[in-house]
Amino acid sequence: MRKDRMIVGLLCIAFAVWTFLSDNTTGPAIGIGILGIITLAIARKK
């Protein structure tokens, strides 16, 4: 499992949660969260 991709994925998920809590905008938060989940999945495969 690649550490750099895992860190990027976790940062994306954390940023999505922060965006959702601070602005209450679900659109960008969902997009960033999905990007983070995909990045984590790619990191776990390799």
PDB file of N, CA and C in Angstrom:
ATOM      1  N   MET A   1       0.833  -1.188   0.000  1.00  0.00           N
ATOM      2  CA  MET A   1       0.000   0.000   0.000  1.00  0.00           C
ATOM      3  C   MET A   1       0.874   1.247   0.000  1.00  0.00           C
ATOM      4  N   ARG A   2       0.623   2.130  -0.937  1.00  0.00           N
ATOM      5  CA  ARG A   2       1.457   3.321  -1.057  1.00  0.00           C
ATOM      6  C   ARG A   2       1.027   4.365  -0.047  1.00  0.00           C
ATOM      7  N   LYS A   3       2.000   4.849   0.716  1.00  0.00           N
ATOM      8  CA  LYS A   3       1.704   5.809   1.784  1.00  0.00           C
ATOM      9  C   LYS A   3       1.236   7.146   1.228  1.00  0.00           C
ATOM     10  N   ASP A   4       1.891   7.635   0.155  1.00  0.00           N
ATOM     11  CA  ASP A   4       1.552   8.970  -0.342  1.00  0.00           C
ATOM     12  C   ASP A   4       0.113   9.031  -0.845  1.00  0.00           C
ATOM     13  N   ARG A   5      -0.328   8.000  -1.540  1.00  0.00           N
ATOM     14  CA  ARG A   5      -1.713   7.999  -2.040  1.00  0.00           C
ATOM     15  C   ARG A   5      -2.708   7.851  -0.906  1.00  0.00           C
ATOM     16  N   MET A   6      -2.343   7.071   0.115  1.00  0.00           N
ATOM     17  CA  MET A   6      -3.229   6.921   1.262  1.00  0.00           C
ATOM     18  C   MET A   6      -3.399   8.263   1.977  1.00  0.00           C
ATOM     19  N   ILE A   7      -2.304   8.997   2.133  1.00  0.00           N
ATOM     20  CA  ILE A   7      -2.362  10.302   2.793  1.00  0.00           C
ATOM     21  C   ILE A   7      -3.220  11.272   1.985  1.00  0.00           C
ATOM     22  N   VAL A   8      -3.052  11.269   0.655  1.00  0.00           N
ATOM     23  CA  VAL A   8      -3.854  12.150  -0.206  1.00  0.00           C
ATOM     24  C   VAL A   8      -5.339  11.801  -0.086  1.00  0.00           C
ATOM     25  N   GLY A   9      -5.656  10.510  -0.065  1.00  0.00           N
ATOM     26  CA  GLY A   9      -7.049  10.086   0.075  1.00  0.00           C
ATOM     27  C   GLY A   9      -7.663  10.524   1.390  1.00  0.00           C
ATOM     28  N   LEU A  10      -6.895  10.358   2.474  1.00  0.00           N
ATOM     29  CA  LEU A  10      -7.395  10.780   3.782  1.00  0.00           C
ATOM     30  C   LEU A  10      -7.568  12.291   3.845  1.00  0.00           C
ATOM     31  N   LEU A  11      -6.641  13.030   3.234  1.00  0.00           N
ATOM     32  CA  LEU A  11      -6.760  14.490   3.196  1.00  0.00           C
ATOM     33  C   LEU A  11      -8.007  14.914   2.423  1.00  0.00           C
ATOM     34  N   CYS A  12      -8.295  14.229   1.315  1.00  0.00           N
ATOM     35  CA  CYS A  12      -9.492  14.544   0.528  1.00  0.00           C
ATOM     36  C   CYS A  12     -10.757  14.319   1.350  1.00  0.00           C
ATOM     37  N   ILE A  13     -10.800  13.202   2.073  1.00  0.00           N
ATOM     38  CA  ILE A  13     -11.978  12.903   2.885  1.00  0.00           C
ATOM     39  C   ILE A  13     -12.117  13.924   4.014  1.00  0.00           C
ATOM     40  N   ALA A  14     -10.994  14.262   4.660  1.00  0.00           N
ATOM     41  CA  ALA A  14     -11.032  15.254   5.738  1.00  0.00           C
ATOM     42  C   ALA A  14     -11.477  16.615   5.207  1.00  0.00           C
ATOM     43  N   PHE A  15     -10.985  16.991   4.025  1.00  0.00           N
ATOM     44  CA  PHE A  15     -11.362  18.271   3.417  1.00  0.00           C
ATOM     45  C   PHE A  15     -12.839  18.281   3.042  1.00  0.00           C
ATOM     46  N   ALA A  16     -13.349  17.132   2.586  1.00  0.00           N
ATOM     47  CA  ALA A  16     -14.770  17.032   2.246  1.00  0.00           C
ATOM     48  C   ALA A  16     -15.637  17.220   3.488  1.00  0.00           C
ATOM     49  N   VAL A  17     -15.240  16.589   4.591  1.00  0.00           N
ATOM     50  CA  VAL A  17     -15.996  16.733   5.842  1.00  0.00           C
ATOM     51  C   VAL A  17     -15.954  18.183   6.314  1.00  0.00           C
ATOM     52  N   TRP A  18     -14.782  18.810   6.236  1.00  0.00           N
ATOM     53  CA  TRP A  18     -14.627  20.203   6.661  1.00  0.00           C
ATOM     54  C   TRP A  18     -15.465  21.137   5.791  1.00  0.00           C
ATOM     55  N   THR A  19     -15.468  20.900   4.473  1.00  0.00           N
ATOM     56  CA  THR A  19     -16.271  21.713   3.555  1.00  0.00           C
ATOM     57  C   THR A  19     -17.755  21.587   3.892  1.00  0.00           C
ATOM     58  N   PHE A  20     -18.189  20.358   4.161  1.00  0.00           N
ATOM     59  CA  PHE A  20     -19.603  20.122   4.474  1.00  0.00           C
ATOM     60  C   PHE A  20     -20.001  20.808   5.780  1.00  0.00           C
ATOM     61  N   LEU A  21     -19.132  20.724   6.797  1.00  0.00           N
ATOM     62  CA  LEU A  21     -19.469  21.289   8.101  1.00  0.00           C
ATOM     63  C   LEU A  21     -19.397  22.811   8.107  1.00  0.00           C
ATOM     64  N   SER A  22     -18.445  23.390   7.375  1.00  0.00           N
ATOM     65  CA  SER A  22     -18.266  24.840   7.434  1.00  0.00           C
ATOM     66  C   SER A  22     -19.237  25.580   6.518  1.00  0.00           C
ATOM     67  N   ASP A  23     -19.484  25.056   5.307  1.00  0.00           N
ATOM     68  CA  ASP A  23     -20.290  25.787   4.328  1.00  0.00           C
ATOM     69  C   ASP A  23     -21.683  25.203   4.118  1.00  0.00           C
ATOM     70  N   ASN A  24     -21.905  23.974   4.572  1.00  0.00           N
ATOM     71  CA  ASN A  24     -23.169  23.271   4.322  1.00  0.00           C
ATOM     72  C   ASN A  24     -23.461  23.123   2.831  1.00  0.00           C
ATOM     73  N   THR A  25     -22.402  23.008   2.022  1.00  0.00           N
ATOM     74  CA  THR A  25     -22.586  22.759   0.586  1.00  0.00           C
ATOM     75  C   THR A  25     -22.325  21.284   0.330  1.00  0.00           C
ATOM     76  N   THR A  26     -23.357  20.564  -0.061  1.00  0.00           N
ATOM     77  CA  THR A  26     -23.215  19.119  -0.219  1.00  0.00           C
ATOM     78  C   THR A  26     -22.552  18.742  -1.533  1.00  0.00           C
ATOM     79  N   GLY A  27     -22.737  19.543  -2.582  1.00  0.00           N
ATOM     80  CA  GLY A  27     -22.193  19.197  -3.897  1.00  0.00           C
ATOM     81  C   GLY A  27     -20.685  19.018  -3.910  1.00  0.00           C
ATOM     82  N   PRO A  28     -19.917  20.067  -3.587  1.00  0.00           N
ATOM     83  CA  PRO A  28     -18.457  19.917  -3.587  1.00  0.00           C
ATOM     84  C   PRO A  28     -17.978  18.902  -2.558  1.00  0.00           C
ATOM     85  N   ALA A  29     -18.630  18.843  -1.394  1.00  0.00           N
ATOM     86  CA  ALA A  29     -18.206  17.912  -0.346  1.00  0.00           C
ATOM     87  C   ALA A  29     -18.340  16.471  -0.822  1.00  0.00           C
ATOM     88  N   ILE A  30     -19.437  16.152  -1.509  1.00  0.00           N
ATOM     89  CA  ILE A  30     -19.636  14.790  -2.018  1.00  0.00           C
ATOM     90  C   ILE A  30     -18.591  14.472  -3.082  1.00  0.00           C
ATOM     91  N   GLY A  31     -18.319  15.444  -3.967  1.00  0.00           N
ATOM     92  CA  GLY A  31     -17.322  15.235  -5.018  1.00  0.00           C
ATOM     93  C   GLY A  31     -15.940  14.972  -4.458  1.00  0.00           C
ATOM     94  N   ILE A  32     -15.528  15.785  -3.483  1.00  0.00           N
ATOM     95  CA  ILE A  32     -14.202  15.616  -2.883  1.00  0.00           C
ATOM     96  C   ILE A  32     -14.144  14.300  -2.104  1.00  0.00           C
ATOM     97  N   GLY A  33     -15.240  13.965  -1.416  1.00  0.00           N
ATOM     98  CA  GLY A  33     -15.282  12.717  -0.650  1.00  0.00           C
ATOM     99  C   GLY A  33     -15.159  11.497  -1.542  1.00  0.00           C
ATOM    100  N   ILE A  34     -15.850  11.505  -2.680  1.00  0.00           N
ATOM    101  CA  ILE A  34     -15.764  10.386  -3.627  1.00  0.00           C
ATOM    102  C   ILE A  34     -14.348  10.279  -4.185  1.00  0.00           C
ATOM    103  N   LEU A  35     -13.746  11.432  -4.488  1.00  0.00           N
ATOM    104  CA  LEU A  35     -12.360  11.437  -4.973  1.00  0.00           C
ATOM    105  C   LEU A  35     -11.422  10.813  -3.942  1.00  0.00           C
ATOM    106  N   GLY A  36     -11.616  11.148  -2.677  1.00  0.00           N
ATOM    107  CA  GLY A  36     -10.787  10.585  -1.613  1.00  0.00           C
ATOM    108  C   GLY A  36     -10.972   9.089  -1.471  1.00  0.00           C
ATOM    109  N   ILE A  37     -12.212   8.623  -1.575  1.00  0.00           N
ATOM    110  CA  ILE A  37     -12.489   7.186  -1.457  1.00  0.00           C
ATOM    111  C   ILE A  37     -11.854   6.422  -2.620  1.00  0.00           C
ATOM    112  N   ILE A  38     -11.944   6.983  -3.828  1.00  0.00           N
ATOM    113  CA  ILE A  38     -11.329   6.339  -4.995  1.00  0.00           C
ATOM    114  C   ILE A  38      -9.814   6.285  -4.835  1.00  0.00           C
ATOM    115  N   THR A  39      -9.221   7.384  -4.340  1.00  0.00           N
ATOM    116  CA  THR A  39      -7.769   7.414  -4.137  1.00  0.00           C
ATOM    117  C   THR A  39      -7.350   6.370  -3.119  1.00  0.00           C
ATOM    118  N   LEU A  40      -8.117   6.223  -2.039  1.00  0.00           N
ATOM    119  CA  LEU A  40      -7.809   5.200  -1.037  1.00  0.00           C
ATOM    120  C   LEU A  40      -7.926   3.802  -1.630  1.00  0.00           C
ATOM    121  N   ALA A  41      -8.943   3.580  -2.470  1.00  0.00           N
ATOM    122  CA  ALA A  41      -9.129   2.263  -3.082  1.00  0.00           C
ATOM    123  C   ALA A  41      -7.958   1.926  -3.998  1.00  0.00           C
ATOM    124  N   ILE A  42      -7.484   2.911  -4.769  1.00  0.00           N
ATOM    125  CA  ILE A  42      -6.337   2.682  -5.651  1.00  0.00           C
ATOM    126  C   ILE A  42      -5.096   2.384  -4.815  1.00  0.00           C
ATOM    127  N   ALA A  43      -4.920   3.112  -3.711  1.00  0.00           N
ATOM    128  CA  ALA A  43      -3.750   2.909  -2.857  1.00  0.00           C
ATOM    129  C   ALA A  43      -3.771   1.516  -2.231  1.00  0.00           C
ATOM    130  N   ARG A  44      -4.951   1.015  -1.899  1.00  0.00           N
ATOM    131  CA  ARG A  44      -5.035  -0.304  -1.266  1.00  0.00           C
ATOM    132  C   ARG A  44      -4.803  -1.437  -2.257  1.00  0.00           C
ATOM    133  N   LYS A  45      -5.160  -1.224  -3.523  1.00  0.00           N
ATOM    134  CA  LYS A  45      -4.990  -2.276  -4.526  1.00  0.00           C
ATOM    135  C   LYS A  45      -3.522  -2.599  -4.767  1.00  0.00           C
ATOM    136  N   LYS A  46      -2.682  -1.564  -4.783  1.00  0.00           N
ATOM    137  CA  LYS A  46      -1.282  -1.777  -5.177  1.00  0.00           C
ATOM    138  C   LYS A  46      -0.411  -2.236  -4.049  1.00  0.00           C
TER     139      LYS A  46
END
